[in-house]
N, C-alpha and C. Protein backbone atom coordinates (compact mmCIF):
# COMPACT_ATOMS: atom_id res chain seq x y z
N MET A 1 15.25 -16.64 17.21
CA MET A 1 14.02 -16.40 16.03
C MET A 1 13.20 -15.28 16.39
N GLU A 2 12.81 -14.65 15.68
CA GLU A 2 12.08 -13.11 15.52
C GLU A 2 10.81 -13.46 14.94
N TYR A 3 10.01 -13.04 15.45
CA TYR A 3 8.57 -13.30 14.67
C TYR A 3 7.45 -12.41 15.36
N PHE A 4 6.22 -11.89 14.22
CA PHE A 4 5.21 -11.42 15.49
C PHE A 4 4.22 -12.26 15.17
N LEU A 5 2.73 -12.17 16.18
CA LEU A 5 1.99 -12.74 15.99
C LEU A 5 0.93 -12.46 14.73
N ASN A 6 0.14 -13.21 14.26
CA ASN A 6 -1.06 -12.77 13.08
C ASN A 6 -1.67 -12.21 13.91
N SER A 7 -2.02 -12.70 15.17
CA SER A 7 -3.30 -12.23 15.84
C SER A 7 -2.96 -11.07 16.44
N SER A 8 -1.98 -10.48 16.64
CA SER A 8 -1.65 -8.92 17.01
C SER A 8 -1.40 -8.23 15.82
N GLY A 9 -1.13 -8.80 14.32
CA GLY A 9 -0.88 -7.90 13.08
C GLY A 9 -1.77 -7.06 12.70
N GLY A 10 -2.87 -6.85 12.86
CA GLY A 10 -3.95 -5.86 12.61
C GLY A 10 -3.41 -4.43 12.66
N ARG A 11 -2.63 -4.21 13.86
CA ARG A 11 -1.97 -2.82 13.85
C ARG A 11 -1.22 -2.58 12.46
N ILE A 12 -0.94 -3.80 11.65
CA ILE A 12 -0.01 -2.96 10.43
C ILE A 12 -1.03 -2.31 9.63
N VAL A 13 -2.32 -3.24 9.33
CA VAL A 13 -3.00 -2.40 8.38
C VAL A 13 -3.62 -1.32 8.73
N TYR A 14 -3.90 -1.00 10.07
CA TYR A 14 -4.06 0.52 10.45
C TYR A 14 -2.80 1.44 10.45
N SER A 15 -1.70 0.93 10.31
CA SER A 15 -0.54 1.83 10.08
C SER A 15 -0.73 2.02 8.58
N ILE A 16 -0.83 1.03 7.83
CA ILE A 16 -1.14 1.33 6.21
C ILE A 16 -2.04 2.64 6.11
N ILE A 17 -3.53 2.34 6.73
CA ILE A 17 -4.40 3.06 6.74
C ILE A 17 -3.96 4.63 6.56
N GLU A 18 -3.52 4.79 8.20
CA GLU A 18 -2.80 5.97 8.46
C GLU A 18 -1.90 6.65 7.33
N ALA A 19 -1.20 5.85 7.00
CA ALA A 19 0.08 6.46 6.06
C ALA A 19 -0.75 7.01 4.77
N ILE A 20 -1.66 6.47 4.10
CA ILE A 20 -2.51 6.73 3.24
C ILE A 20 -3.21 8.12 3.54
N GLN A 21 -3.76 7.99 4.51
CA GLN A 21 -4.54 9.04 4.78
C GLN A 21 -4.06 10.36 5.04
N ASP A 22 -2.56 10.26 5.60
CA ASP A 22 -1.70 11.42 6.08
C ASP A 22 -1.26 11.74 4.83
N ASN A 23 -1.02 11.30 3.54
CA ASN A 23 -0.54 11.63 2.40
C ASN A 23 -1.65 11.80 1.07
N LYS A 24 -2.70 11.80 1.38
CA LYS A 24 -3.72 11.80 0.43
C LYS A 24 -3.57 12.77 -0.63
N GLU A 25 -3.25 14.29 -0.04
CA GLU A 25 -3.10 15.30 -0.81
C GLU A 25 -2.04 15.47 -1.53
N TYR A 26 -0.92 14.72 -1.02
CA TYR A 26 0.43 14.79 -1.60
C TYR A 26 0.00 13.49 -2.63
N LEU A 27 -0.36 12.51 -2.71
CA LEU A 27 -0.50 11.40 -3.80
C LEU A 27 -1.25 11.98 -5.11
N SER A 28 -2.11 12.86 -4.63
CA SER A 28 -2.83 13.22 -5.83
C SER A 28 -2.36 14.74 -6.49
N GLU A 29 -1.50 15.14 -5.78
CA GLU A 29 -0.47 16.22 -6.13
C GLU A 29 0.30 15.65 -7.29
N ILE A 30 0.98 14.59 -7.00
CA ILE A 30 2.09 13.85 -7.74
C ILE A 30 0.92 13.23 -8.86
N ASP A 31 -0.10 12.72 -8.64
CA ASP A 31 -0.79 12.11 -9.97
C ASP A 31 -1.03 13.41 -10.80
N GLY A 32 -1.69 14.44 -10.30
CA GLY A 32 -1.86 15.22 -11.15
C GLY A 32 -1.14 15.76 -12.19
N ALA A 33 -0.03 15.62 -11.86
CA ALA A 33 1.15 16.27 -12.74
C ALA A 33 1.19 15.41 -14.26
N ILE A 34 0.83 14.28 -14.10
CA ILE A 34 1.02 13.07 -15.36
C ILE A 34 -0.18 12.48 -15.32
N GLY A 35 -1.21 12.53 -14.52
CA GLY A 35 -2.15 11.27 -14.54
C GLY A 35 -3.61 12.07 -14.30
N ASP A 36 -4.58 11.22 -13.35
CA ASP A 36 -5.95 12.01 -13.47
C ASP A 36 -6.00 12.80 -12.26
N GLY A 37 -5.03 12.88 -11.08
CA GLY A 37 -4.93 13.79 -10.13
C GLY A 37 -6.03 12.74 -9.07
N ASP A 38 -6.50 11.98 -9.00
CA ASP A 38 -7.29 11.35 -8.23
C ASP A 38 -6.57 10.20 -7.51
N HIS A 39 -5.29 9.66 -7.40
CA HIS A 39 -4.82 8.68 -6.56
C HIS A 39 -5.23 8.86 -5.35
N GLY A 40 -4.53 9.70 -4.74
CA GLY A 40 -4.59 9.97 -3.35
C GLY A 40 -6.01 9.90 -2.73
N ILE A 41 -7.00 10.66 -3.56
CA ILE A 41 -8.48 10.34 -3.25
C ILE A 41 -9.03 8.97 -3.35
N ASN A 42 -8.81 8.24 -3.89
CA ASN A 42 -9.18 6.86 -4.39
C ASN A 42 -8.72 6.43 -3.53
N MET A 43 -7.42 6.21 -3.03
CA MET A 43 -6.78 5.36 -2.37
C MET A 43 -7.06 5.55 -0.74
N ASN A 44 -7.32 6.91 -0.38
CA ASN A 44 -7.98 7.31 0.89
C ASN A 44 -9.15 6.71 0.99
N LYS A 45 -10.12 6.63 0.00
CA LYS A 45 -11.28 6.50 -0.03
C LYS A 45 -11.45 4.90 0.26
N GLY A 46 -10.55 4.09 -0.23
CA GLY A 46 -10.53 2.80 0.25
C GLY A 46 -10.17 2.41 1.58
N VAL A 47 -8.91 2.98 2.14
CA VAL A 47 -8.45 2.82 3.56
C VAL A 47 -9.48 3.38 4.22
N THR A 48 -10.07 4.45 4.35
CA THR A 48 -11.00 4.74 5.17
C THR A 48 -12.23 3.95 5.41
N MET A 49 -12.63 3.52 4.26
CA MET A 49 -13.92 2.51 4.38
C MET A 49 -13.48 1.02 4.88
N THR A 50 -11.96 0.90 4.53
CA THR A 50 -11.24 -0.27 5.22
C THR A 50 -11.51 0.07 7.04
N LYS A 51 -11.17 1.01 7.41
CA LYS A 51 -11.05 0.97 8.69
C LYS A 51 -12.26 1.09 9.64
N GLU A 52 -13.41 2.02 8.71
CA GLU A 52 -14.73 2.01 9.45
C GLU A 52 -15.11 0.24 9.38
N LYS A 53 -14.89 -0.48 8.69
CA LYS A 53 -15.18 -2.07 8.94
C LYS A 53 -14.40 -2.54 9.99
N LEU A 54 -12.86 -2.22 9.97
CA LEU A 54 -12.31 -2.84 10.95
C LEU A 54 -12.51 -2.46 12.26
N ASP A 55 -13.14 -0.90 12.43
CA ASP A 55 -13.44 -0.79 13.49
C ASP A 55 -14.79 -1.31 14.49
N GLU A 56 -15.60 -1.88 13.58
CA GLU A 56 -16.66 -2.19 13.90
C GLU A 56 -16.53 -3.84 14.39
N GLN A 57 -15.31 -4.26 14.49
CA GLN A 57 -15.06 -5.38 14.77
C GLN A 57 -14.12 -5.63 16.17
N ASP A 58 -13.99 -6.55 16.69
CA ASP A 58 -13.28 -6.64 17.74
C ASP A 58 -11.77 -7.06 17.38
N GLU A 59 -10.93 -6.75 17.95
CA GLU A 59 -9.25 -6.84 17.27
C GLU A 59 -9.35 -7.80 16.24
N VAL A 60 -8.80 -7.59 15.09
CA VAL A 60 -8.89 -8.77 13.68
C VAL A 60 -7.14 -9.02 13.91
N ASP A 61 -7.26 -10.14 13.15
CA ASP A 61 -5.70 -10.80 12.94
C ASP A 61 -5.44 -10.14 11.70
N LEU A 62 -4.00 -10.35 11.09
CA LEU A 62 -3.35 -9.53 10.12
C LEU A 62 -3.82 -10.01 8.87
N ALA A 63 -4.49 -11.63 8.64
CA ALA A 63 -4.82 -12.23 7.22
C ALA A 63 -6.23 -11.59 7.13
N THR A 64 -7.01 -11.27 8.20
CA THR A 64 -8.50 -11.02 8.09
C THR A 64 -8.46 -9.41 7.50
N ALA A 65 -7.76 -8.76 8.43
CA ALA A 65 -7.47 -6.87 8.10
C ALA A 65 -6.89 -7.25 6.54
N LEU A 66 -5.97 -7.83 6.16
CA LEU A 66 -5.31 -7.60 5.01
C LEU A 66 -6.56 -7.90 3.74
N LYS A 67 -7.18 -8.88 4.21
CA LYS A 67 -8.47 -9.50 3.38
C LYS A 67 -9.35 -8.29 3.53
N THR A 68 -10.03 -8.16 4.17
CA THR A 68 -10.70 -6.60 4.30
C THR A 68 -10.29 -5.66 3.47
N LEU A 69 -8.99 -5.21 3.78
CA LEU A 69 -8.68 -3.99 3.12
C LEU A 69 -8.33 -4.57 1.36
N GLY A 70 -8.16 -5.76 0.90
CA GLY A 70 -8.21 -5.72 -0.25
C GLY A 70 -9.56 -6.01 -0.78
N PHE A 71 -10.50 -6.55 -0.49
CA PHE A 71 -11.66 -6.88 -1.23
C PHE A 71 -12.47 -5.20 -1.20
N THR A 72 -12.19 -4.52 0.09
CA THR A 72 -12.64 -2.77 0.11
C THR A 72 -11.84 -2.42 -1.04
N VAL A 73 -10.59 -2.33 -1.30
CA VAL A 73 -9.67 -1.60 -2.54
C VAL A 73 -10.42 -2.20 -3.80
N VAL A 74 -10.49 -3.21 -3.92
CA VAL A 74 -10.76 -3.93 -5.05
C VAL A 74 -12.21 -3.25 -5.56
N SER A 75 -13.15 -3.01 -4.70
CA SER A 75 -14.60 -2.92 -5.02
C SER A 75 -14.79 -1.33 -5.00
N LYS A 76 -13.80 -0.48 -4.30
CA LYS A 76 -14.05 1.03 -4.35
C LYS A 76 -13.30 1.73 -5.09
N ILE A 77 -12.09 1.46 -5.70
CA ILE A 77 -11.19 2.25 -5.98
C ILE A 77 -11.15 1.98 -7.62
N GLY A 78 -11.52 3.01 -8.39
CA GLY A 78 -11.73 2.71 -9.76
C GLY A 78 -10.37 2.95 -10.28
N GLY A 79 -10.42 2.81 -12.05
CA GLY A 79 -9.05 2.57 -12.56
C GLY A 79 -8.70 1.39 -12.38
N SER A 80 -7.00 1.34 -12.73
CA SER A 80 -6.23 0.11 -12.35
C SER A 80 -5.43 0.04 -11.32
N MET A 81 -5.70 1.06 -10.20
CA MET A 81 -5.02 0.74 -9.21
C MET A 81 -5.93 -0.03 -8.31
N GLY A 82 -7.20 0.04 -8.33
CA GLY A 82 -8.09 -1.02 -7.32
C GLY A 82 -7.75 -2.25 -7.57
N PRO A 83 -7.95 -2.86 -8.71
CA PRO A 83 -7.45 -4.69 -8.87
C PRO A 83 -6.09 -4.65 -8.64
N LEU A 84 -5.19 -3.77 -8.79
CA LEU A 84 -3.60 -4.13 -8.53
C LEU A 84 -3.67 -3.98 -6.90
N TYR A 85 -3.92 -3.11 -6.07
CA TYR A 85 -3.93 -3.11 -4.78
C TYR A 85 -4.69 -4.09 -4.04
N GLY A 86 -5.73 -4.62 -4.60
CA GLY A 86 -6.80 -5.91 -3.87
C GLY A 86 -6.05 -6.88 -4.42
N ASN A 87 -5.25 -7.04 -5.67
CA ASN A 87 -4.46 -8.55 -5.53
C ASN A 87 -3.41 -8.24 -4.61
N PHE A 88 -2.89 -7.43 -4.58
CA PHE A 88 -1.53 -7.12 -3.52
C PHE A 88 -2.05 -7.69 -2.13
N PHE A 89 -3.20 -6.97 -1.58
CA PHE A 89 -3.39 -7.34 -0.19
C PHE A 89 -4.13 -8.52 -0.05
N LEU A 90 -4.62 -8.86 -0.77
CA LEU A 90 -5.62 -10.52 -0.70
C LEU A 90 -4.64 -11.33 -1.12
N GLU A 91 -3.44 -11.22 -1.67
CA GLU A 91 -2.55 -12.64 -1.95
C GLU A 91 -1.47 -12.63 -0.67
N MET A 92 -1.62 -11.36 -0.34
CA MET A 92 -0.85 -11.31 1.15
C MET A 92 -1.37 -11.96 2.18
N SER A 93 -2.46 -11.80 2.16
CA SER A 93 -3.66 -12.59 3.10
C SER A 93 -3.77 -13.90 3.22
N LYS A 94 -3.84 -14.17 2.10
CA LYS A 94 -3.77 -15.83 1.65
C LYS A 94 -2.56 -16.73 2.16
N ALA A 95 -1.29 -15.99 2.09
CA ALA A 95 -0.20 -16.45 2.32
C ALA A 95 0.13 -16.67 3.56
N ILE A 96 -0.76 -15.87 4.60
CA ILE A 96 -0.60 -16.10 6.24
C ILE A 96 -1.93 -16.56 7.06
N ASN A 97 -2.82 -17.25 6.06
CA ASN A 97 -4.17 -17.63 6.51
C ASN A 97 -4.06 -18.84 7.41
N GLY A 98 -4.28 -18.75 8.29
CA GLY A 98 -3.96 -20.08 9.29
C GLY A 98 -2.65 -20.26 9.88
N ARG A 99 -1.91 -19.12 9.87
CA ARG A 99 -0.56 -19.21 10.49
C ARG A 99 -0.68 -18.60 11.55
N GLU A 100 0.30 -18.84 12.95
CA GLU A 100 -0.18 -18.22 14.07
C GLU A 100 1.25 -17.16 14.20
N LYS A 101 2.57 -17.95 13.61
CA LYS A 101 3.49 -17.04 13.68
C LYS A 101 4.07 -16.68 12.42
N ILE A 102 4.59 -15.22 12.28
CA ILE A 102 5.09 -14.83 11.43
C ILE A 102 6.54 -14.33 11.32
N ASP A 103 7.33 -15.43 10.34
CA ASP A 103 8.87 -14.78 10.93
C ASP A 103 9.18 -14.48 9.66
N LYS A 104 10.51 -13.82 9.63
CA LYS A 104 11.11 -13.61 8.01
C LYS A 104 10.89 -14.21 7.06
N LYS A 105 11.01 -15.69 7.01
CA LYS A 105 10.69 -16.41 5.83
C LYS A 105 8.96 -16.00 5.68
N VAL A 106 8.29 -16.11 6.54
CA VAL A 106 6.99 -16.50 6.23
C VAL A 106 6.33 -14.85 5.79
N PHE A 107 7.14 -13.73 6.30
CA PHE A 107 6.86 -12.19 5.44
C PHE A 107 7.55 -12.26 4.04
N SER A 108 8.61 -12.94 3.72
CA SER A 108 9.02 -13.11 2.15
C SER A 108 8.10 -13.83 0.91
N ASP A 109 7.41 -14.96 1.92
CA ASP A 109 6.04 -15.45 1.10
C ASP A 109 5.02 -14.49 0.98
N MET A 110 4.77 -13.69 2.06
CA MET A 110 3.88 -12.56 1.77
C MET A 110 3.90 -11.58 0.51
N LEU A 111 5.30 -11.11 0.99
CA LEU A 111 6.02 -10.06 -0.39
C LEU A 111 5.83 -10.71 -1.56
N ASN A 112 6.42 -12.14 -2.06
CA ASN A 112 6.11 -12.43 -3.17
C ASN A 112 5.01 -12.81 -3.70
N ALA A 113 4.41 -13.41 -2.69
CA ALA A 113 2.51 -13.32 -3.14
C ALA A 113 2.09 -12.01 -3.66
N ALA A 114 2.35 -11.16 -2.97
CA ALA A 114 1.66 -9.87 -3.23
C ALA A 114 2.42 -9.46 -4.44
N LEU A 115 3.71 -9.71 -4.88
CA LEU A 115 4.21 -9.36 -6.21
C LEU A 115 3.81 -10.05 -7.43
N GLU A 116 3.70 -11.25 -6.99
CA GLU A 116 2.96 -12.03 -8.38
C GLU A 116 1.44 -12.01 -8.30
N GLY A 117 0.67 -11.29 -7.37
CA GLY A 117 -0.76 -10.76 -7.67
C GLY A 117 -0.81 -9.79 -8.38
N VAL A 118 0.22 -8.76 -8.53
CA VAL A 118 0.28 -7.58 -9.07
C VAL A 118 0.75 -7.94 -10.50
N LYS A 119 1.74 -8.85 -10.65
CA LYS A 119 2.20 -9.21 -11.97
C LYS A 119 1.21 -10.01 -12.63
N ALA A 120 0.10 -10.85 -12.04
CA ALA A 120 -0.73 -11.40 -12.58
C ALA A 120 -1.57 -10.41 -13.80
N LEU A 121 -1.85 -9.30 -13.34
CA LEU A 121 -2.74 -8.38 -14.09
C LEU A 121 -1.98 -7.57 -15.28
N GLY A 122 -0.57 -7.69 -14.83
CA GLY A 122 -0.28 -6.62 -16.16
C GLY A 122 1.39 -6.99 -16.26
N ASP A 123 2.00 -6.29 -17.15
CA ASP A 123 3.33 -6.54 -17.52
C ASP A 123 4.41 -5.61 -17.49
N ALA A 124 3.74 -4.88 -16.64
CA ALA A 124 4.97 -3.90 -16.13
C ALA A 124 6.00 -4.37 -15.41
N LYS A 125 7.31 -3.82 -15.91
CA LYS A 125 8.49 -4.12 -15.21
C LYS A 125 9.30 -2.80 -14.88
N VAL A 126 10.41 -2.90 -13.96
CA VAL A 126 11.51 -2.22 -13.43
C VAL A 126 11.68 -1.08 -14.48
N GLY A 127 11.75 0.07 -14.29
CA GLY A 127 11.85 0.93 -15.73
C GLY A 127 10.96 1.62 -16.19
N ASP A 128 9.44 1.00 -15.97
CA ASP A 128 8.24 1.38 -16.73
C ASP A 128 7.72 2.77 -16.16
N LYS A 129 7.86 2.99 -14.71
CA LYS A 129 7.63 4.04 -13.90
C LYS A 129 6.04 3.78 -13.35
N THR A 130 6.12 2.48 -12.69
CA THR A 130 4.84 2.18 -11.99
C THR A 130 5.47 2.01 -10.73
N MET A 131 4.30 1.02 -9.88
CA MET A 131 4.44 0.69 -8.60
C MET A 131 5.30 -0.24 -8.48
N MET A 132 5.67 -1.02 -9.54
CA MET A 132 6.85 -2.17 -9.77
C MET A 132 8.27 -1.88 -9.57
N ASP A 133 8.36 -0.24 -9.72
CA ASP A 133 9.89 0.17 -9.51
C ASP A 133 10.01 0.38 -7.90
N THR A 134 8.81 0.44 -7.29
CA THR A 134 8.89 0.14 -5.70
C THR A 134 9.17 -1.18 -5.39
N LEU A 135 8.29 -1.95 -5.59
CA LEU A 135 7.83 -2.99 -5.26
C LEU A 135 8.89 -4.46 -5.74
N ILE A 136 9.22 -4.17 -6.83
CA ILE A 136 10.44 -5.36 -7.40
C ILE A 136 11.87 -5.19 -6.30
N PRO A 137 12.27 -4.16 -6.46
CA PRO A 137 13.39 -4.24 -5.98
C PRO A 137 13.61 -4.31 -4.22
N ALA A 138 12.45 -3.94 -3.66
CA ALA A 138 11.93 -4.11 -2.42
C ALA A 138 12.07 -5.60 -2.00
N VAL A 139 11.34 -6.29 -2.75
CA VAL A 139 11.10 -7.96 -2.45
C VAL A 139 12.13 -8.54 -2.72
N LYS A 140 12.99 -8.20 -3.92
CA LYS A 140 14.49 -8.82 -4.12
C LYS A 140 15.46 -8.62 -3.02
N THR A 141 15.44 -7.58 -2.61
CA THR A 141 16.49 -7.05 -1.66
C THR A 141 16.03 -7.63 -0.07
N TYR A 142 15.02 -7.71 0.21
CA TYR A 142 14.52 -8.36 1.39
C TYR A 142 15.06 -10.06 1.43
N ASP A 143 14.79 -10.65 0.23
CA ASP A 143 14.86 -11.98 -0.14
C ASP A 143 16.34 -12.04 0.13
N LYS A 144 17.25 -11.48 -0.52
CA LYS A 144 18.68 -11.31 -0.65
C LYS A 144 19.02 -11.33 0.61
N ALA A 145 18.65 -10.47 1.52
CA ALA A 145 19.08 -10.10 2.99
C ALA A 145 18.97 -11.39 3.74
N ILE A 146 17.84 -11.87 3.77
CA ILE A 146 17.40 -13.04 4.72
C ILE A 146 18.25 -14.33 4.21
N GLU A 147 18.08 -14.51 2.52
CA GLU A 147 19.38 -15.67 2.25
C GLU A 147 20.50 -15.34 2.91
N GLY A 148 20.72 -14.28 3.04
CA GLY A 148 22.46 -13.85 3.44
C GLY A 148 22.62 -14.09 4.82
N GLY A 149 21.47 -14.53 5.73
CA GLY A 149 21.48 -14.86 7.22
C GLY A 149 21.35 -13.51 7.85
N LYS A 150 20.75 -12.38 7.12
CA LYS A 150 20.51 -11.18 8.22
C LYS A 150 19.04 -11.58 8.69
N GLY A 151 19.21 -10.89 10.34
CA GLY A 151 17.55 -10.95 10.94
C GLY A 151 16.68 -10.01 9.97
N PHE A 152 15.52 -10.40 10.88
CA PHE A 152 14.22 -10.00 10.48
C PHE A 152 14.30 -8.59 10.44
N LYS A 153 14.69 -7.90 11.55
CA LYS A 153 14.88 -6.29 11.43
C LYS A 153 15.76 -5.47 10.74
N GLU A 154 17.24 -6.25 10.26
CA GLU A 154 17.70 -5.85 9.35
C GLU A 154 17.30 -5.98 7.94
N ALA A 155 16.35 -6.98 7.47
CA ALA A 155 15.91 -7.30 6.07
C ALA A 155 15.05 -6.26 5.87
N LEU A 156 14.19 -5.90 7.10
CA LEU A 156 13.28 -5.03 6.91
C LEU A 156 13.87 -3.90 6.53
N GLU A 157 14.81 -3.21 6.94
CA GLU A 157 15.52 -1.72 7.01
C GLU A 157 16.16 -1.88 5.39
N GLU A 158 16.62 -3.13 5.12
CA GLU A 158 17.33 -3.12 3.83
C GLU A 158 16.07 -3.00 3.00
N MET A 159 14.82 -3.56 2.98
CA MET A 159 13.82 -3.48 1.99
C MET A 159 13.48 -2.17 2.04
N GLN A 160 13.29 -1.46 3.44
CA GLN A 160 12.72 0.14 3.35
C GLN A 160 13.88 1.09 2.42
N VAL A 161 15.31 0.62 2.43
CA VAL A 161 16.03 1.46 1.83
C VAL A 161 15.88 1.35 -0.05
N ALA A 162 15.56 0.16 -0.39
CA ALA A 162 15.27 -0.23 -1.66
C ALA A 162 13.95 0.24 -2.04
N ALA A 163 13.12 0.18 -1.17
CA ALA A 163 11.61 0.67 -1.72
C ALA A 163 11.82 2.25 -2.19
N GLU A 164 12.27 2.79 -1.05
CA GLU A 164 12.64 4.46 -1.27
C GLU A 164 13.54 4.72 -2.37
N LYS A 165 14.45 4.03 -2.56
CA LYS A 165 15.37 4.33 -3.70
C LYS A 165 14.38 4.15 -5.06
N GLY A 166 13.60 2.96 -5.04
CA GLY A 166 12.97 2.53 -6.25
C GLY A 166 11.65 3.43 -6.51
N LYS A 167 11.57 4.18 -5.54
CA LYS A 167 10.40 5.04 -5.42
C LYS A 167 10.90 6.43 -6.47
N GLU A 168 12.09 6.74 -5.64
CA GLU A 168 12.66 8.13 -6.25
C GLU A 168 13.25 7.87 -7.44
N SER A 169 13.29 6.52 -8.30
CA SER A 169 14.38 6.39 -9.55
C SER A 169 12.92 6.66 -10.23
N THR A 170 11.80 6.65 -10.14
CA THR A 170 10.56 6.80 -11.11
C THR A 170 10.82 8.33 -11.50
N LYS A 171 11.44 9.24 -10.95
CA LYS A 171 11.38 10.91 -11.08
C LYS A 171 11.99 10.89 -12.62
N ASP A 172 13.05 10.39 -12.69
CA ASP A 172 13.70 10.33 -14.16
C ASP A 172 13.34 9.69 -15.03
N LEU A 173 12.31 8.79 -14.98
CA LEU A 173 11.92 7.89 -15.96
C LEU A 173 10.98 8.26 -16.80
N VAL A 174 10.54 7.70 -18.02
CA VAL A 174 9.56 7.98 -19.12
C VAL A 174 8.86 6.91 -18.60
N ALA A 175 7.12 7.35 -18.71
CA ALA A 175 6.14 6.22 -18.48
C ALA A 175 6.05 5.70 -19.62
N LYS A 176 5.71 4.10 -19.46
CA LYS A 176 5.74 3.39 -20.44
C LYS A 176 4.39 2.59 -20.49
N VAL A 177 3.72 2.63 -19.44
CA VAL A 177 2.35 1.98 -19.25
C VAL A 177 1.31 3.22 -18.73
N GLY A 178 0.08 3.08 -18.95
CA GLY A 178 -1.10 3.44 -18.09
C GLY A 178 -1.13 5.23 -19.20
N ARG A 179 -2.11 5.94 -18.33
CA ARG A 179 -2.62 7.23 -19.10
C ARG A 179 -1.11 8.06 -19.40
N ALA A 180 -0.18 7.99 -18.22
CA ALA A 180 1.11 8.72 -18.69
C ALA A 180 1.98 8.62 -19.99
N ALA A 181 1.60 7.20 -19.90
CA ALA A 181 2.67 6.98 -21.02
C ALA A 181 2.21 7.68 -22.46
N ARG A 182 1.08 8.17 -22.75
CA ARG A 182 0.89 9.18 -23.82
C ARG A 182 1.64 10.52 -23.71
N LEU A 183 2.12 10.91 -22.63
CA LEU A 183 2.71 12.14 -22.72
C LEU A 183 4.28 12.02 -23.03
N GLY A 184 4.62 10.62 -23.11
CA GLY A 184 6.25 10.48 -23.32
C GLY A 184 7.25 11.06 -22.51
N GLU A 185 8.09 11.70 -23.03
CA GLU A 185 8.97 12.59 -22.44
C GLU A 185 8.62 14.06 -21.10
N ARG A 186 7.49 14.06 -21.48
CA ARG A 186 7.02 15.00 -20.62
C ARG A 186 6.68 14.33 -19.35
N SER A 187 6.21 13.01 -19.19
CA SER A 187 6.20 12.36 -18.16
C SER A 187 7.62 12.08 -17.49
N ARG A 188 8.75 12.66 -18.04
CA ARG A 188 9.84 12.75 -17.14
C ARG A 188 10.01 13.89 -15.94
N GLY A 189 10.34 13.67 -14.90
CA GLY A 189 10.38 14.80 -14.02
C GLY A 189 9.54 14.85 -12.99
N VAL A 190 8.55 13.59 -12.69
CA VAL A 190 7.76 13.77 -11.50
C VAL A 190 7.64 12.33 -11.32
N LEU A 191 7.87 12.04 -9.96
CA LEU A 191 7.63 10.90 -9.06
C LEU A 191 6.27 9.96 -9.96
N ASP A 192 6.18 8.57 -9.70
CA ASP A 192 4.93 8.14 -10.28
C ASP A 192 4.32 7.69 -8.81
N ALA A 193 2.85 8.30 -8.70
CA ALA A 193 2.29 8.10 -7.86
C ALA A 193 1.70 6.63 -7.24
N GLY A 194 1.86 5.53 -7.93
CA GLY A 194 1.56 4.47 -7.77
C GLY A 194 3.10 3.73 -7.21
N ALA A 195 3.80 4.09 -7.55
CA ALA A 195 5.57 3.81 -6.84
C ALA A 195 5.46 4.48 -5.39
N THR A 196 4.99 5.85 -5.41
CA THR A 196 4.90 6.49 -4.13
C THR A 196 4.12 6.00 -3.07
N SER A 197 3.04 5.42 -3.43
CA SER A 197 1.72 4.74 -2.78
C SER A 197 2.49 3.58 -2.03
N CYS A 198 2.72 2.69 -2.90
CA CYS A 198 3.35 1.36 -2.61
C CYS A 198 4.75 1.91 -1.78
N ASN A 199 5.48 2.62 -1.69
CA ASN A 199 6.53 2.86 -0.80
C ASN A 199 6.07 3.24 0.61
N LEU A 200 4.98 4.12 0.47
CA LEU A 200 4.59 4.41 1.72
C LEU A 200 3.88 3.03 2.42
N ILE A 201 3.41 2.25 1.86
CA ILE A 201 2.54 1.02 2.22
C ILE A 201 3.91 0.10 2.92
N LEU A 202 5.28 0.05 1.97
CA LEU A 202 5.99 -0.63 2.54
C LEU A 202 6.64 -0.39 3.65
N GLN A 203 6.85 0.94 3.95
CA GLN A 203 7.42 1.70 5.18
C GLN A 203 6.68 1.79 6.41
N ALA A 204 5.23 1.84 6.09
CA ALA A 204 4.41 1.44 7.01
C ALA A 204 4.60 0.27 7.72
N MET A 205 4.44 -0.59 6.77
CA MET A 205 4.28 -2.21 7.14
C MET A 205 5.49 -2.63 8.00
N ALA A 206 6.87 -2.25 7.45
CA ALA A 206 8.07 -2.43 8.08
C ALA A 206 7.92 -1.65 9.49
N ASN A 207 7.88 -0.59 9.76
CA ASN A 207 7.80 0.21 10.84
C ASN A 207 7.01 -0.54 12.12
N THR A 208 5.74 -0.77 11.52
CA THR A 208 4.83 -1.48 12.49
C THR A 208 5.48 -2.87 12.93
N ILE A 209 5.83 -3.71 12.04
CA ILE A 209 6.12 -5.12 12.22
C ILE A 209 7.67 -5.09 13.35
N ARG A 210 8.49 -3.77 13.08
CA ARG A 210 9.38 -4.02 13.65
C ARG A 210 8.97 -3.75 15.42
N ASP A 211 7.95 -3.18 15.48
CA ASP A 211 7.48 -2.80 16.92
C ASP A 211 6.78 -3.85 17.48
N LEU A 212 6.40 -4.65 16.48
CA LEU A 212 5.61 -6.11 17.13
C LEU A 212 6.63 -7.26 17.31
N LEU A 213 8.02 -7.22 16.90
CA LEU A 213 8.76 -8.48 16.81
C LEU A 213 9.12 -9.12 18.21
N ILE A 214 8.81 -10.38 18.34
CA ILE A 214 9.01 -10.94 19.46
C ILE A 214 10.24 -11.87 19.40
N SER A 215 11.35 -11.84 20.07
CA SER A 215 12.28 -12.64 19.99
C SER A 215 12.65 -13.95 21.09
N GLU A 216 12.80 -15.12 20.56
CA GLU A 216 13.11 -16.07 21.73
C GLU A 216 14.09 -17.05 21.00
């Protein structure tokens, strides 16, 4: 059995924070092509404020760190992305509240809770040029891997490949929802900022989880 401890999982949220901070200009550059150009700025603001809150505490577990990130993002990030990512992280936190060990099945519960949390706020689907183009294939691929008997590490790797592929697919899509939808065909040819930030988050999570895994 492979698992990691909730108690040591706060590192996962720190890795998400670092990934967004390192790519804030890139995210805003992508967003500027078909959106407001502030996605990187807003996401960076949310994660940086989260880091300040987490730094004030002793080592926090993953459930607490995700809850802190979710509440901070939803209250500090404007537009649609604040509530979407707020739900994403808060639902993940709820899925592991009180759990000591997080194995591949529990991580599936986290992913699916996050997906349902985002779905609850809108009706975007694969092909609409949103974060769902990254998230839905990533979750489906991860679940298919563990249902097929693959281990935690291998399932994470397959999730990462699917997330990256999903993100890249948005370049050739026409936006169907949000501000970019008004551009019609002009929205084609550039990556979606939400799909890109979602990919960064999932990649960071998977890489850090791999480092935390315990086998017994």
